[in-house]
Protein backbone atom coordinates (compact mmCIF):
# COMPACT_ATOMS: atom_id res chain seq x y z
CA MET A 1 -0.04 143.95 -53.22
CA SER A 2 -1.77 140.68 -52.52
CA ARG A 3 -4.88 140.47 -50.38
CA VAL A 4 -4.86 138.57 -47.09
CA SER A 5 -8.01 138.27 -45.00
CA GLY A 6 -9.48 141.38 -46.62
CA HIS A 7 -6.35 143.45 -45.91
CA ALA A 8 -3.68 144.46 -48.37
CA ALA A 9 -0.67 142.36 -47.39
CA PRO A 10 2.40 144.53 -46.83
CA THR A 11 5.23 144.24 -49.29
CA VAL A 12 8.85 143.85 -48.19
CA ARG A 13 9.27 147.58 -48.83
CA ASP A 14 6.31 148.33 -46.54
CA ALA A 15 7.33 145.80 -43.89
CA ALA A 16 11.03 146.71 -43.57
CA PRO A 17 10.51 149.99 -41.63
CA LEU A 18 7.86 148.31 -39.53
CA PHE A 19 10.21 145.55 -38.39
CA ALA A 20 13.14 147.95 -38.07
CA ALA A 21 11.08 149.96 -35.58
CA LEU A 22 10.18 146.77 -33.70
CA GLY A 23 13.82 145.65 -33.64
CA ASP A 24 14.65 147.48 -30.42
CA GLU A 25 14.03 146.19 -26.89
CA THR A 26 12.80 149.54 -25.55
CA ARG A 27 10.36 149.98 -28.42
CA LEU A 28 9.08 146.43 -28.00
CA ARG A 29 8.52 147.13 -24.31
CA LEU A 30 6.56 150.27 -25.24
CA ILE A 31 4.39 148.26 -27.65
CA GLN A 32 3.86 145.63 -24.94
CA ARG A 33 2.97 148.30 -22.37
CA LEU A 34 0.50 150.03 -24.70
CA SER A 35 -1.11 146.74 -25.68
CA SER A 36 -1.55 145.53 -22.10
CA ARG A 37 -2.46 148.80 -20.35
CA GLY A 38 -3.85 150.99 -23.10
CA PRO A 39 -2.95 154.57 -24.00
CA GLY A 40 -0.41 156.45 -21.92
CA SER A 41 1.47 159.71 -21.63
CA ILE A 42 5.27 160.00 -21.69
CA THR A 43 5.17 160.28 -17.89
CA GLN A 44 3.15 157.07 -17.57
CA LEU A 45 5.19 155.22 -20.17
CA SER A 46 8.50 156.15 -18.56
CA ALA A 47 7.41 155.31 -14.98
CA HIS A 48 9.38 152.38 -13.52
CA SER A 49 11.73 152.48 -16.50
CA GLU A 50 15.49 152.85 -16.57
CA VAL A 51 15.06 154.86 -19.78
CA SER A 52 14.68 158.65 -19.57
CA ARG A 53 11.52 160.45 -20.62
CA GLN A 54 13.47 162.07 -23.47
CA ALA A 55 14.59 158.64 -24.73
CA ILE A 56 11.04 157.27 -24.45
CA SER A 57 9.84 160.25 -26.48
CA LYS A 58 12.40 159.52 -29.22
CA HIS A 59 11.46 155.83 -29.29
CA LEU A 60 7.78 156.73 -29.56
CA GLN A 61 8.58 158.98 -32.51
CA VAL A 62 10.33 156.09 -34.28
CA LEU A 63 7.26 153.92 -33.66
CA ALA A 64 4.99 156.72 -34.89
CA ASP A 65 7.09 157.19 -38.04
CA ALA A 66 6.60 153.46 -38.74
CA GLY A 67 2.85 153.87 -38.15
CA LEU A 68 2.79 151.62 -35.08
CA VAL A 69 1.61 154.24 -32.57
CA ARG A 70 -0.13 157.58 -32.71
CA GLY A 71 0.02 160.49 -30.32
CA THR A 72 -2.91 162.80 -29.65
CA ARG A 73 -2.98 165.95 -27.57
CA ARG A 74 -5.05 165.90 -24.40
CA GLY A 75 -4.64 169.25 -22.75
CA ARG A 76 -0.92 169.83 -22.23
CA GLU A 77 -0.04 166.15 -22.62
CA ARG A 78 0.40 163.92 -25.62
CA VAL A 79 -1.19 160.50 -25.10
CA TRP A 80 0.16 157.58 -27.11
CA ASP A 81 -1.81 154.60 -28.34
CA LEU A 82 -1.26 151.64 -30.64
CA GLU A 83 -2.16 151.80 -34.31
CA PRO A 84 -3.95 148.46 -34.85
CA LYS A 85 -3.70 148.47 -38.65
CA ARG A 86 0.12 148.45 -38.65
CA LEU A 87 0.21 145.71 -36.02
CA ALA A 88 -2.15 143.72 -38.26
CA ASP A 89 0.24 144.39 -41.17
CA ALA A 90 3.09 142.87 -39.15
CA HIS A 91 0.95 139.85 -38.31
CA HIS A 92 -0.07 139.33 -41.96
CA TYR A 93 3.50 139.65 -43.18
CA LEU A 94 4.81 137.12 -40.63
CA ASP A 95 1.92 134.79 -41.47
CA ARG A 96 2.80 134.98 -45.16
CA ILE A 97 6.46 134.18 -44.43
CA SER A 98 5.39 131.28 -42.21
CA LYS A 99 3.25 129.81 -45.00
CA GLN A 100 6.10 130.17 -47.49
CA TRP A 101 8.46 128.44 -45.05
CA ASP A 102 5.98 125.60 -44.51
CA ALA A 103 5.65 125.15 -48.30
CA ALA A 104 9.45 125.05 -48.68
CA LEU A 105 9.71 122.41 -45.95
CA ASP A 106 6.98 120.36 -47.65
CA ARG A 107 8.90 120.51 -50.95
CA LEU A 108 12.11 119.44 -49.20
CA ARG A 109 10.30 116.59 -47.42
CA ALA A 110 8.83 115.39 -50.74
CA PHE A 111 12.26 115.57 -52.41
CA VAL A 112 13.97 113.58 -49.63
CA GLU A 113 11.29 110.90 -49.60
């Protein structure tokens, strides 16, 4: 793995499950909710949602399996929060792709000129 800003840059193999988990509207909304409002329980995360609590729970498990969120027990509830390292991995991977794309465009521009 290459190093980017002091972090190990994710490989395609590492990034694929990450982006697969993010490739769903409900899961993206959960990530957005957790990032804007902080940790929440299933009850809080499903409030004002057209998605059932059971579906929210399954989506959170997919995000947890990809390392994007973590659930911790607080009494009888499980509270979910973002996992910053995996979000940073996604950022680094997209940044690397962006730089590769920019380099390809520069090569094309130089060839056309």
